[in-house]
Amino acid sequence: MKKSTGKKGNGGFSLVELIIVIAIMAVLVGVLAPQYLSYIHKAKVAADQANLKNYYTEIQLDYASTGVYNPQVPLVDKYGEGGYELREIHFLSGQTVKLKAGYYAVTENTKGQGGYNICYYCDLCTAADADEQTKQKHRDTCIITFL
C-alpha cells in the first residue's frame, strides 16, 4: 500500500490543454458548418423537385387522358394573376405536400402542345439580402422547369 506524500499527481489535463482542444474544435465547427448547411439545403431542394416531378407527371397524365385543363390545378394566367408563389402541392389524388425550400408556379404549355409547365425556385435564389453571385449560383443549381 502506497502512502500519500501530499504531492499532486498527473491525474488530469491542465487548463491550457483544455483550452487548446476547445479552440481546435471551434475551428473545425467554423469550417464544417457552412458545408453542412449547404448539404441540408441541397437535400431540401432535391425533395421539392422530386415531389414536383411526381405532381407534373400526374397533371400531365390527367391532361393527356381528358384533353382539358383540370380546374383543381392552380394556374397562373397570361397576365401573371393566380398562384405564383405556391408552397404546397395539392395532388389530384387529394394528398398535400409542403415544399421545404422554395415555391413553384404552374402555367399552361406555351408551345401549343397542351398540358402544363411548372417552374420551381428555391428561397435562396430570390432572397433580397443575397448578393448577385450567390443568387446566380443558386439559379444554376436550384431552378428547375418542367416543360
N, C-alpha and C. Protein backbone atom coordinates (compact mmCIF):
# COMPACT_ATOMS: atom_id res chain seq x y z
N MET A 1 0.83 -1.17 0.00
CA MET A 1 0.00 0.00 0.00
C MET A 1 0.89 1.25 0.00
N LYS A 2 0.57 2.20 -0.93
CA LYS A 2 1.38 3.40 -1.04
C LYS A 2 0.84 4.46 -0.11
N LYS A 3 1.75 5.18 0.42
CA LYS A 3 1.36 6.29 1.28
C LYS A 3 1.30 7.56 0.45
N SER A 4 0.36 8.40 0.76
CA SER A 4 0.26 9.68 0.07
C SER A 4 1.32 10.61 0.60
N THR A 5 2.04 11.23 -0.31
CA THR A 5 3.10 12.13 0.09
C THR A 5 2.66 13.58 0.04
N GLY A 6 1.42 13.81 -0.40
CA GLY A 6 0.92 15.17 -0.46
C GLY A 6 1.20 15.86 -1.78
N LYS A 7 1.97 15.22 -2.67
CA LYS A 7 2.27 15.81 -3.97
C LYS A 7 1.12 15.52 -4.93
N LYS A 8 0.85 16.49 -5.80
CA LYS A 8 -0.22 16.33 -6.78
C LYS A 8 0.29 15.45 -7.92
N GLY A 9 -0.47 14.45 -8.32
CA GLY A 9 -0.08 13.56 -9.42
C GLY A 9 -0.57 14.08 -10.75
N ASN A 10 -0.28 13.37 -11.80
CA ASN A 10 -0.71 13.72 -13.15
C ASN A 10 -2.07 13.07 -13.43
N GLY A 11 -3.08 13.42 -12.68
CA GLY A 11 -4.38 12.78 -12.80
C GLY A 11 -5.31 13.42 -13.80
N GLY A 12 -4.99 14.55 -14.42
CA GLY A 12 -5.92 15.20 -15.34
C GLY A 12 -5.20 16.10 -16.32
N PHE A 13 -6.00 16.84 -17.08
CA PHE A 13 -5.45 17.76 -18.07
C PHE A 13 -5.33 19.15 -17.47
N SER A 14 -4.37 19.88 -17.93
CA SER A 14 -4.21 21.25 -17.45
C SER A 14 -5.21 22.16 -18.17
N LEU A 15 -5.42 23.32 -17.66
CA LEU A 15 -6.34 24.29 -18.24
C LEU A 15 -5.90 24.70 -19.65
N VAL A 16 -4.62 24.84 -19.86
CA VAL A 16 -4.10 25.21 -21.18
C VAL A 16 -4.42 24.13 -22.20
N GLU A 17 -4.26 22.88 -21.84
CA GLU A 17 -4.57 21.79 -22.75
C GLU A 17 -6.04 21.77 -23.12
N LEU A 18 -6.90 21.99 -22.14
CA LEU A 18 -8.34 22.02 -22.41
C LEU A 18 -8.72 23.18 -23.32
N ILE A 19 -8.11 24.33 -23.13
CA ILE A 19 -8.40 25.50 -23.97
C ILE A 19 -7.94 25.24 -25.41
N ILE A 20 -6.80 24.59 -25.58
CA ILE A 20 -6.32 24.26 -26.92
C ILE A 20 -7.28 23.31 -27.62
N VAL A 21 -7.77 22.31 -26.93
CA VAL A 21 -8.72 21.36 -27.52
C VAL A 21 -10.01 22.07 -27.91
N ILE A 22 -10.51 22.94 -27.06
CA ILE A 22 -11.74 23.69 -27.36
C ILE A 22 -11.52 24.61 -28.57
N ALA A 23 -10.36 25.23 -28.67
CA ALA A 23 -10.06 26.10 -29.81
C ALA A 23 -10.01 25.30 -31.11
N ILE A 24 -9.41 24.13 -31.08
CA ILE A 24 -9.36 23.28 -32.27
C ILE A 24 -10.78 22.86 -32.69
N MET A 25 -11.60 22.51 -31.73
CA MET A 25 -12.99 22.12 -32.03
C MET A 25 -13.77 23.29 -32.62
N ALA A 26 -13.54 24.49 -32.10
CA ALA A 26 -14.24 25.68 -32.62
C ALA A 26 -13.85 25.95 -34.07
N VAL A 27 -12.59 25.79 -34.39
CA VAL A 27 -12.13 25.99 -35.76
C VAL A 27 -12.77 24.96 -36.69
N LEU A 28 -12.81 23.70 -36.26
CA LEU A 28 -13.42 22.66 -37.08
C LEU A 28 -14.90 22.92 -37.32
N VAL A 29 -15.62 23.34 -36.29
CA VAL A 29 -17.04 23.65 -36.44
C VAL A 29 -17.21 24.84 -37.39
N GLY A 30 -16.38 25.83 -37.26
CA GLY A 30 -16.46 27.00 -38.14
C GLY A 30 -16.21 26.68 -39.59
N VAL A 31 -15.36 25.70 -39.85
CA VAL A 31 -15.05 25.31 -41.22
C VAL A 31 -16.14 24.39 -41.78
N LEU A 32 -16.64 23.48 -40.98
CA LEU A 32 -17.57 22.46 -41.47
C LEU A 32 -19.03 22.90 -41.47
N ALA A 33 -19.42 23.84 -40.63
CA ALA A 33 -20.83 24.23 -40.53
C ALA A 33 -21.41 24.76 -41.84
N PRO A 34 -20.74 25.66 -42.57
CA PRO A 34 -21.34 26.13 -43.83
C PRO A 34 -21.55 25.00 -44.85
N GLN A 35 -20.60 24.09 -44.91
CA GLN A 35 -20.74 22.97 -45.84
C GLN A 35 -21.91 22.09 -45.44
N TYR A 36 -22.07 21.85 -44.16
CA TYR A 36 -23.19 21.05 -43.65
C TYR A 36 -24.51 21.72 -43.99
N LEU A 37 -24.62 23.03 -43.80
CA LEU A 37 -25.84 23.76 -44.12
C LEU A 37 -26.13 23.71 -45.61
N SER A 38 -25.10 23.73 -46.42
CA SER A 38 -25.28 23.63 -47.87
C SER A 38 -25.87 22.26 -48.23
N TYR A 39 -25.39 21.21 -47.61
CA TYR A 39 -25.93 19.88 -47.88
C TYR A 39 -27.38 19.77 -47.45
N ILE A 40 -27.74 20.38 -46.34
CA ILE A 40 -29.14 20.36 -45.90
C ILE A 40 -30.02 21.07 -46.93
N HIS A 41 -29.56 22.23 -47.42
CA HIS A 41 -30.34 22.98 -48.42
C HIS A 41 -30.50 22.16 -49.70
N LYS A 42 -29.42 21.53 -50.16
CA LYS A 42 -29.50 20.73 -51.38
C LYS A 42 -30.46 19.55 -51.22
N ALA A 43 -30.49 18.96 -50.05
CA ALA A 43 -31.40 17.84 -49.80
C ALA A 43 -32.86 18.31 -49.82
N LYS A 44 -33.12 19.48 -49.25
CA LYS A 44 -34.49 20.02 -49.26
C LYS A 44 -34.93 20.34 -50.69
N VAL A 45 -34.04 20.95 -51.47
CA VAL A 45 -34.36 21.28 -52.86
C VAL A 45 -34.61 20.00 -53.66
N ALA A 46 -33.80 18.98 -53.44
CA ALA A 46 -33.99 17.71 -54.16
C ALA A 46 -35.33 17.08 -53.80
N ALA A 47 -35.73 17.15 -52.54
CA ALA A 47 -37.04 16.62 -52.13
C ALA A 47 -38.17 17.39 -52.81
N ASP A 48 -38.05 18.72 -52.84
CA ASP A 48 -39.06 19.54 -53.51
C ASP A 48 -39.16 19.19 -54.99
N GLN A 49 -38.01 19.06 -55.64
CA GLN A 49 -38.01 18.77 -57.07
C GLN A 49 -38.59 17.39 -57.36
N ALA A 50 -38.33 16.42 -56.50
CA ALA A 50 -38.90 15.08 -56.69
C ALA A 50 -40.42 15.12 -56.54
N ASN A 51 -40.90 15.86 -55.54
CA ASN A 51 -42.35 15.98 -55.36
C ASN A 51 -42.99 16.70 -56.55
N LEU A 52 -42.34 17.74 -57.05
CA LEU A 52 -42.89 18.46 -58.20
C LEU A 52 -42.86 17.62 -59.47
N LYS A 53 -41.85 16.79 -59.63
CA LYS A 53 -41.80 15.89 -60.78
C LYS A 53 -42.98 14.92 -60.74
N ASN A 54 -43.29 14.39 -59.56
CA ASN A 54 -44.45 13.50 -59.42
C ASN A 54 -45.75 14.24 -59.72
N TYR A 55 -45.85 15.47 -59.23
CA TYR A 55 -47.05 16.28 -59.48
C TYR A 55 -47.18 16.59 -60.97
N TYR A 56 -46.07 16.95 -61.60
CA TYR A 56 -46.07 17.26 -63.03
C TYR A 56 -46.54 16.03 -63.83
N THR A 57 -46.03 14.87 -63.48
CA THR A 57 -46.43 13.65 -64.17
C THR A 57 -47.93 13.41 -64.00
N GLU A 58 -48.43 13.63 -62.78
CA GLU A 58 -49.85 13.40 -62.51
C GLU A 58 -50.74 14.35 -63.32
N ILE A 59 -50.40 15.65 -63.33
CA ILE A 59 -51.28 16.59 -64.04
C ILE A 59 -51.13 16.45 -65.56
N GLN A 60 -49.95 16.08 -66.04
CA GLN A 60 -49.79 15.84 -67.48
C GLN A 60 -50.61 14.62 -67.92
N LEU A 61 -50.59 13.56 -67.11
CA LEU A 61 -51.39 12.38 -67.44
C LEU A 61 -52.88 12.70 -67.41
N ASP A 62 -53.28 13.53 -66.46
CA ASP A 62 -54.69 13.94 -66.38
C ASP A 62 -55.07 14.71 -67.65
N TYR A 63 -54.21 15.64 -68.07
CA TYR A 63 -54.50 16.40 -69.29
C TYR A 63 -54.51 15.49 -70.52
N ALA A 64 -53.56 14.57 -70.59
CA ALA A 64 -53.48 13.67 -71.75
C ALA A 64 -54.70 12.77 -71.84
N SER A 65 -55.23 12.35 -70.70
CA SER A 65 -56.38 11.44 -70.73
C SER A 65 -57.70 12.17 -70.95
N THR A 66 -57.81 13.44 -70.50
CA THR A 66 -59.09 14.15 -70.64
C THR A 66 -59.07 15.17 -71.77
N GLY A 67 -57.90 15.74 -72.08
CA GLY A 67 -57.80 16.75 -73.12
C GLY A 67 -58.22 18.15 -72.67
N VAL A 68 -58.51 18.31 -71.39
CA VAL A 68 -58.90 19.63 -70.85
C VAL A 68 -58.07 19.92 -69.60
N TYR A 69 -57.93 21.21 -69.31
CA TYR A 69 -57.21 21.62 -68.11
C TYR A 69 -58.07 21.37 -66.89
N ASN A 70 -57.49 20.75 -65.89
CA ASN A 70 -58.21 20.42 -64.66
C ASN A 70 -58.36 21.67 -63.81
N PRO A 71 -59.56 22.00 -63.33
CA PRO A 71 -59.74 23.19 -62.51
C PRO A 71 -59.09 23.09 -61.13
N GLN A 72 -58.68 21.89 -60.72
CA GLN A 72 -58.00 21.73 -59.43
C GLN A 72 -56.54 22.15 -59.50
N VAL A 73 -56.01 22.31 -60.70
CA VAL A 73 -54.61 22.71 -60.86
C VAL A 73 -54.55 24.24 -60.83
N PRO A 74 -53.80 24.82 -59.88
CA PRO A 74 -53.75 26.29 -59.76
C PRO A 74 -52.84 26.90 -60.85
N LEU A 75 -53.46 27.48 -61.85
CA LEU A 75 -52.72 28.04 -62.98
C LEU A 75 -52.47 29.53 -62.81
N VAL A 76 -51.30 29.98 -63.28
CA VAL A 76 -51.03 31.40 -63.43
C VAL A 76 -51.53 31.76 -64.82
N ASP A 77 -52.37 32.78 -64.91
CA ASP A 77 -52.88 33.13 -66.23
C ASP A 77 -51.87 33.97 -67.01
N LYS A 78 -52.22 34.33 -68.24
CA LYS A 78 -51.27 35.04 -69.11
C LYS A 78 -50.94 36.44 -68.61
N TYR A 79 -51.68 36.95 -67.62
CA TYR A 79 -51.40 38.27 -67.06
C TYR A 79 -50.61 38.18 -65.76
N GLY A 80 -50.25 36.96 -65.36
CA GLY A 80 -49.47 36.78 -64.13
C GLY A 80 -50.33 36.68 -62.89
N GLU A 81 -51.64 36.63 -63.07
CA GLU A 81 -52.54 36.51 -61.92
C GLU A 81 -52.68 35.04 -61.55
N GLY A 82 -52.93 34.80 -60.30
CA GLY A 82 -53.13 33.43 -59.84
C GLY A 82 -52.05 33.04 -58.86
N GLY A 83 -51.92 31.75 -58.63
CA GLY A 83 -50.97 31.25 -57.64
C GLY A 83 -49.57 31.20 -58.16
N TYR A 84 -48.79 32.25 -57.94
CA TYR A 84 -47.42 32.25 -58.45
C TYR A 84 -46.43 31.70 -57.45
N GLU A 85 -46.60 32.01 -56.18
CA GLU A 85 -45.65 31.52 -55.18
C GLU A 85 -46.31 30.45 -54.32
N LEU A 86 -46.60 29.33 -54.92
CA LEU A 86 -47.26 28.23 -54.21
C LEU A 86 -46.23 27.46 -53.39
N ARG A 87 -46.57 27.17 -52.16
CA ARG A 87 -45.65 26.47 -51.26
C ARG A 87 -46.19 25.11 -50.82
N GLU A 88 -47.37 24.75 -51.33
CA GLU A 88 -47.93 23.43 -51.08
C GLU A 88 -48.37 22.82 -52.40
N ILE A 89 -48.13 21.54 -52.53
CA ILE A 89 -48.59 20.81 -53.72
C ILE A 89 -49.85 20.07 -53.32
N HIS A 90 -50.93 20.34 -54.02
CA HIS A 90 -52.19 19.63 -53.80
C HIS A 90 -52.37 18.67 -54.97
N PHE A 91 -51.97 17.42 -54.74
CA PHE A 91 -52.09 16.41 -55.78
C PHE A 91 -53.56 16.17 -56.11
N LEU A 92 -53.83 15.73 -57.32
CA LEU A 92 -55.20 15.45 -57.74
C LEU A 92 -55.80 14.30 -56.94
N SER A 93 -54.95 13.47 -56.38
CA SER A 93 -55.41 12.34 -55.57
C SER A 93 -55.85 12.77 -54.18
N GLY A 94 -55.62 14.05 -53.82
CA GLY A 94 -56.04 14.55 -52.52
C GLY A 94 -54.90 14.73 -51.54
N GLN A 95 -53.74 14.21 -51.85
CA GLN A 95 -52.59 14.33 -50.96
C GLN A 95 -52.02 15.75 -51.05
N THR A 96 -51.57 16.28 -49.91
CA THR A 96 -50.94 17.60 -49.87
C THR A 96 -49.53 17.47 -49.32
N VAL A 97 -48.58 18.12 -50.01
CA VAL A 97 -47.18 18.10 -49.59
C VAL A 97 -46.69 19.54 -49.51
N LYS A 98 -46.07 19.89 -48.38
CA LYS A 98 -45.48 21.22 -48.23
C LYS A 98 -44.06 21.20 -48.77
N LEU A 99 -43.73 22.24 -49.54
CA LEU A 99 -42.37 22.36 -50.05
C LEU A 99 -41.44 22.77 -48.91
N LYS A 100 -40.22 22.31 -48.95
CA LYS A 100 -39.28 22.54 -47.86
C LYS A 100 -38.35 23.72 -48.09
N ALA A 101 -38.10 24.09 -49.36
CA ALA A 101 -37.07 25.10 -49.60
C ALA A 101 -37.42 26.10 -50.69
N GLY A 102 -38.65 26.14 -51.16
CA GLY A 102 -38.95 27.06 -52.25
C GLY A 102 -40.42 27.13 -52.59
N TYR A 103 -40.69 27.58 -53.81
CA TYR A 103 -42.06 27.73 -54.29
C TYR A 103 -42.11 27.43 -55.78
N TYR A 104 -43.33 27.29 -56.30
CA TYR A 104 -43.48 26.94 -57.70
C TYR A 104 -44.69 27.65 -58.30
N ALA A 105 -44.78 27.61 -59.62
CA ALA A 105 -45.92 28.13 -60.35
C ALA A 105 -46.24 27.17 -61.48
N VAL A 106 -47.53 27.06 -61.81
CA VAL A 106 -47.98 26.20 -62.90
C VAL A 106 -48.61 27.09 -63.97
N THR A 107 -48.22 26.87 -65.22
CA THR A 107 -48.81 27.59 -66.35
C THR A 107 -49.25 26.60 -67.41
N GLU A 108 -50.09 27.08 -68.32
CA GLU A 108 -50.42 26.26 -69.48
C GLU A 108 -49.20 26.17 -70.37
N ASN A 109 -49.07 25.08 -71.09
CA ASN A 109 -47.95 24.91 -72.01
C ASN A 109 -48.04 25.98 -73.09
N THR A 110 -46.97 26.73 -73.25
CA THR A 110 -46.97 27.85 -74.20
C THR A 110 -46.53 27.45 -75.59
N LYS A 111 -46.18 26.20 -75.80
CA LYS A 111 -45.72 25.74 -77.11
C LYS A 111 -46.86 25.24 -77.98
N GLY A 112 -48.08 25.39 -77.52
CA GLY A 112 -49.23 24.98 -78.32
C GLY A 112 -49.49 23.49 -78.31
N GLN A 113 -48.81 22.75 -77.44
CA GLN A 113 -48.98 21.30 -77.38
C GLN A 113 -50.00 20.89 -76.34
N GLY A 114 -50.49 21.83 -75.56
CA GLY A 114 -51.37 21.48 -74.46
C GLY A 114 -50.57 20.99 -73.28
N GLY A 115 -51.22 20.83 -72.17
CA GLY A 115 -50.54 20.37 -70.96
C GLY A 115 -50.08 21.53 -70.10
N TYR A 116 -49.10 21.27 -69.26
CA TYR A 116 -48.68 22.22 -68.25
C TYR A 116 -47.17 22.45 -68.27
N ASN A 117 -46.77 23.57 -67.69
CA ASN A 117 -45.37 23.86 -67.37
C ASN A 117 -45.32 24.13 -65.87
N ILE A 118 -44.24 23.72 -65.22
CA ILE A 118 -44.02 24.03 -63.81
C ILE A 118 -42.63 24.63 -63.68
N CYS A 119 -42.52 25.73 -62.94
CA CYS A 119 -41.24 26.36 -62.67
C CYS A 119 -41.05 26.45 -61.16
N TYR A 120 -39.89 26.02 -60.68
CA TYR A 120 -39.58 25.98 -59.24
C TYR A 120 -38.39 26.88 -58.95
N TYR A 121 -38.48 27.63 -57.87
CA TYR A 121 -37.38 28.46 -57.37
C TYR A 121 -37.16 28.16 -55.90
N CYS A 122 -35.90 28.03 -55.49
CA CYS A 122 -35.63 27.89 -54.06
C CYS A 122 -35.64 29.28 -53.44
N ASP A 123 -35.82 29.36 -52.14
CA ASP A 123 -35.89 30.64 -51.45
C ASP A 123 -34.58 31.43 -51.54
N LEU A 124 -33.46 30.74 -51.59
CA LEU A 124 -32.17 31.43 -51.66
C LEU A 124 -31.93 32.06 -53.03
N CYS A 125 -32.61 31.56 -54.06
CA CYS A 125 -32.46 32.14 -55.41
C CYS A 125 -33.03 33.55 -55.48
N THR A 126 -34.02 33.81 -54.67
CA THR A 126 -34.73 35.09 -54.74
C THR A 126 -34.61 35.89 -53.46
N ALA A 127 -33.70 35.52 -52.57
CA ALA A 127 -33.55 36.22 -51.29
C ALA A 127 -33.12 37.67 -51.54
N ALA A 128 -33.77 38.60 -50.88
CA ALA A 128 -33.48 40.02 -51.08
C ALA A 128 -32.11 40.40 -50.53
N ASP A 129 -31.65 39.71 -49.50
CA ASP A 129 -30.39 40.09 -48.86
C ASP A 129 -29.17 39.35 -49.44
N ALA A 130 -29.39 38.49 -50.45
CA ALA A 130 -28.27 37.75 -51.04
C ALA A 130 -27.62 38.57 -52.15
N ASP A 131 -26.31 38.41 -52.30
CA ASP A 131 -25.62 39.12 -53.38
C ASP A 131 -25.86 38.40 -54.71
N GLU A 132 -25.52 39.05 -55.81
CA GLU A 132 -25.80 38.51 -57.14
C GLU A 132 -25.04 37.22 -57.42
N GLN A 133 -23.83 37.09 -56.89
CA GLN A 133 -23.06 35.86 -57.12
C GLN A 133 -23.74 34.67 -56.46
N THR A 134 -24.24 34.86 -55.24
CA THR A 134 -24.96 33.79 -54.53
C THR A 134 -26.24 33.44 -55.27
N LYS A 135 -26.98 34.46 -55.70
CA LYS A 135 -28.22 34.20 -56.42
C LYS A 135 -27.96 33.43 -57.72
N GLN A 136 -26.91 33.82 -58.45
CA GLN A 136 -26.61 33.14 -59.70
C GLN A 136 -26.21 31.69 -59.46
N LYS A 137 -25.44 31.45 -58.42
CA LYS A 137 -25.04 30.08 -58.09
C LYS A 137 -26.28 29.24 -57.82
N HIS A 138 -27.22 29.79 -57.08
CA HIS A 138 -28.44 29.04 -56.78
C HIS A 138 -29.34 28.89 -57.99
N ARG A 139 -29.36 29.89 -58.85
CA ARG A 139 -30.16 29.78 -60.08
C ARG A 139 -29.64 28.65 -60.95
N ASP A 140 -28.34 28.49 -60.98
CA ASP A 140 -27.75 27.43 -61.81
C ASP A 140 -28.04 26.04 -61.27
N THR A 141 -28.23 25.92 -59.96
CA THR A 141 -28.40 24.59 -59.37
C THR A 141 -29.80 24.30 -58.87
N CYS A 142 -30.57 25.33 -58.50
CA CYS A 142 -31.85 25.08 -57.84
C CYS A 142 -33.08 25.28 -58.72
N ILE A 143 -33.02 26.21 -59.67
CA ILE A 143 -34.19 26.46 -60.50
C ILE A 143 -34.39 25.29 -61.45
N ILE A 144 -35.63 24.84 -61.53
CA ILE A 144 -35.95 23.76 -62.45
C ILE A 144 -37.29 24.06 -63.11
N THR A 145 -37.39 23.72 -64.38
CA THR A 145 -38.64 23.92 -65.12
C THR A 145 -39.01 22.60 -65.79
N PHE A 146 -40.26 22.20 -65.58
CA PHE A 146 -40.79 21.01 -66.26
C PHE A 146 -41.63 21.51 -67.42
N LEU A 147 -41.25 21.15 -68.65
CA LEU A 147 -41.97 21.61 -69.83
C LEU A 147 -42.70 20.45 -70.48
